Protein backbone atom coordinates (compact mmCIF):
# COMPACT_ATOMS: atom_id res chain seq x y z
CA UNK A 1 41.24 1.75 13.72
CA UNK A 2 39.02 -1.01 15.09
CA UNK A 3 35.27 -0.70 15.42
CA UNK A 4 35.46 0.07 19.15
CA UNK A 5 37.76 3.02 18.49
CA UNK A 6 35.52 4.28 15.68
CA UNK A 7 32.59 3.94 18.04
CA UNK A 8 34.30 6.01 20.74
CA UNK A 9 35.56 8.61 18.25
CA UNK A 10 32.12 9.16 16.70
CA UNK A 11 30.05 8.70 19.84
CA UNK A 12 27.85 5.90 18.59
CA UNK A 13 27.52 2.25 19.44
CA UNK A 14 29.26 -0.61 17.68
CA UNK A 15 25.79 -1.98 16.84
CA UNK A 16 24.89 1.30 15.12
CA UNK A 17 28.03 1.14 13.00
CA UNK A 18 27.27 -2.44 11.99
CA UNK A 19 23.70 -1.47 11.22
CA UNK A 20 24.81 1.41 8.99
CA UNK A 21 27.08 -1.01 7.16
CA UNK A 22 24.28 -3.55 6.74
CA UNK A 23 21.89 -0.99 5.21
CA UNK A 24 24.57 0.48 2.96
CA UNK A 25 25.00 3.87 4.64
CA UNK A 26 28.62 3.05 5.51
CA UNK A 27 30.95 1.08 3.28
CA UNK A 28 32.33 -2.17 4.61
CA UNK A 29 35.87 -1.86 5.94
CA UNK A 30 38.72 -4.08 4.95
CA UNK A 31 39.48 -7.03 7.19
CA UNK A 32 42.81 -7.61 8.86
CA UNK A 33 44.45 -11.05 8.74
CA UNK A 34 42.90 -11.81 12.12
CA UNK A 35 39.40 -11.06 10.74
CA UNK A 36 38.90 -7.77 12.58
CA UNK A 37 37.35 -4.89 10.71
CA UNK A 38 39.85 -2.10 10.05
CA UNK A 39 38.34 1.35 9.64
CA UNK A 40 40.05 4.35 8.10
CA UNK A 41 39.67 8.06 8.69
CA UNK A 42 37.42 8.07 5.60
CA UNK A 43 35.04 5.72 7.41
CA UNK A 44 35.02 8.15 10.32
CA UNK A 45 34.15 11.06 8.04
CA UNK A 46 31.31 9.19 6.34
CA UNK A 47 30.02 7.91 9.67
CA UNK A 48 29.99 11.48 10.98
CA UNK A 49 28.02 12.58 7.91
CA UNK A 50 25.49 9.78 8.48
CA UNK A 51 25.18 10.42 12.23
CA UNK A 52 24.82 14.18 11.91
CA UNK A 53 22.30 13.79 9.10
CA UNK A 54 20.27 11.36 11.23
CA UNK A 55 20.56 13.73 14.21
CA UNK A 56 18.95 16.38 11.99
CA UNK A 57 16.08 13.97 11.38
CA UNK A 58 16.86 13.09 7.78
CA UNK A 59 15.31 9.73 6.86
CA UNK A 60 17.63 6.97 5.70
CA UNK A 61 16.64 7.38 2.06
CA UNK A 62 17.61 11.03 2.16
CA UNK A 63 20.88 10.25 3.96
CA UNK A 64 21.57 7.74 1.20
CA UNK A 65 20.85 10.45 -1.39
CA UNK A 66 23.09 12.90 0.47
CA UNK A 67 25.91 10.32 0.41
CA UNK A 68 25.36 9.81 -3.32
CA UNK A 69 25.53 13.58 -3.89
CA UNK A 70 28.67 13.88 -1.74
CA UNK A 71 30.40 11.12 -3.71
CA UNK A 72 29.43 12.55 -7.09
CA UNK A 73 32.06 15.08 -8.09
CA UNK A 74 29.72 16.56 -10.71
CA UNK A 75 26.88 17.12 -8.22
CA UNK A 76 26.07 20.67 -7.27
CA UNK A 77 25.37 22.18 -3.88
CA UNK A 78 21.96 22.97 -5.34
CA UNK A 79 21.07 19.27 -4.94
CA UNK A 80 21.83 19.43 -1.22
CA UNK A 81 19.95 22.71 -0.96
CA UNK A 82 16.81 21.13 -2.46
CA UNK A 83 17.07 18.10 -0.19
CA UNK A 84 17.47 20.27 2.91
CA UNK A 85 14.68 22.64 1.82
CA UNK A 86 12.29 19.73 1.57
CA UNK A 87 13.31 18.55 5.03
CA UNK A 88 12.92 22.05 6.50
CA UNK A 89 9.36 22.15 5.13
CA UNK A 90 8.54 18.80 6.76
CA UNK A 91 10.04 19.93 10.07
CA UNK A 92 8.08 23.21 9.93
CA UNK A 93 4.86 21.28 9.30
CA UNK A 94 5.62 18.96 12.21
CA UNK A 95 6.33 21.93 14.50
CA UNK A 96 2.92 23.42 13.61
CA UNK A 97 1.28 20.05 14.32
CA UNK A 98 3.08 19.77 17.66
CA UNK A 99 2.04 23.29 18.66
CA UNK A 100 -1.57 22.40 17.90
CA UNK A 101 -1.18 19.20 19.91
CA UNK A 102 0.24 21.20 22.81
CA UNK A 103 -2.77 23.55 22.73
CA UNK A 104 -5.16 20.60 22.73
CA UNK A 105 -3.39 18.97 25.66
CA UNK A 106 -3.34 22.21 27.67
CA UNK A 107 -7.05 22.70 27.01
CA UNK A 108 -7.76 19.11 28.09
CA UNK A 109 -5.57 19.49 31.16
CA UNK A 110 -7.41 22.67 32.13
CA UNK A 111 -10.61 20.63 32.26
CA UNK A 112 -9.11 18.82 35.24
CA UNK A 113 -8.95 22.08 37.21
CA UNK A 114 -6.83 21.29 40.23
CA UNK A 115 -6.78 17.51 39.67
CA UNK A 116 -8.69 16.76 42.88
CA UNK A 117 -12.11 16.00 41.44
CA UNK A 118 -13.49 12.46 41.83
CA UNK A 119 -15.01 12.54 38.34
CA UNK A 120 -12.55 13.74 35.73
CA UNK A 121 -13.96 15.97 32.96
CA UNK A 122 -10.89 15.28 30.81
CA UNK A 123 -11.67 11.54 30.85
CA UNK A 124 -15.30 12.33 30.03
CA UNK A 125 -14.20 14.43 27.05
CA UNK A 126 -11.84 11.73 25.81
CA UNK A 127 -14.69 9.19 25.99
CA UNK A 128 -17.07 11.28 23.83
């Protein structure tokens, strides 16, 4: 399949596919006689793995490690488990941070009362 078909099939842009190739997350396809890239179903599978991993928030280095594990026939699921456990811990930490941020914003917003005051206490607090 050509890059446009791969793009449609996987729901990502042609530029994204080229980028993943350039950073080594997707292997380069063979070229047809006319110079067009020709992608296989294997490319589609690996692109799906990359896209779904990125959708889950895995950084590129960890996606690269996941690809390495997937290609290594002697690798154990335990390696993936450890990688995902580490990511879950980071996500949990970020969720706690975001909840604290939300509380701070709500508290600051409440300083504005109804939002009709000429002098805003929230601005005053931010300027302290």
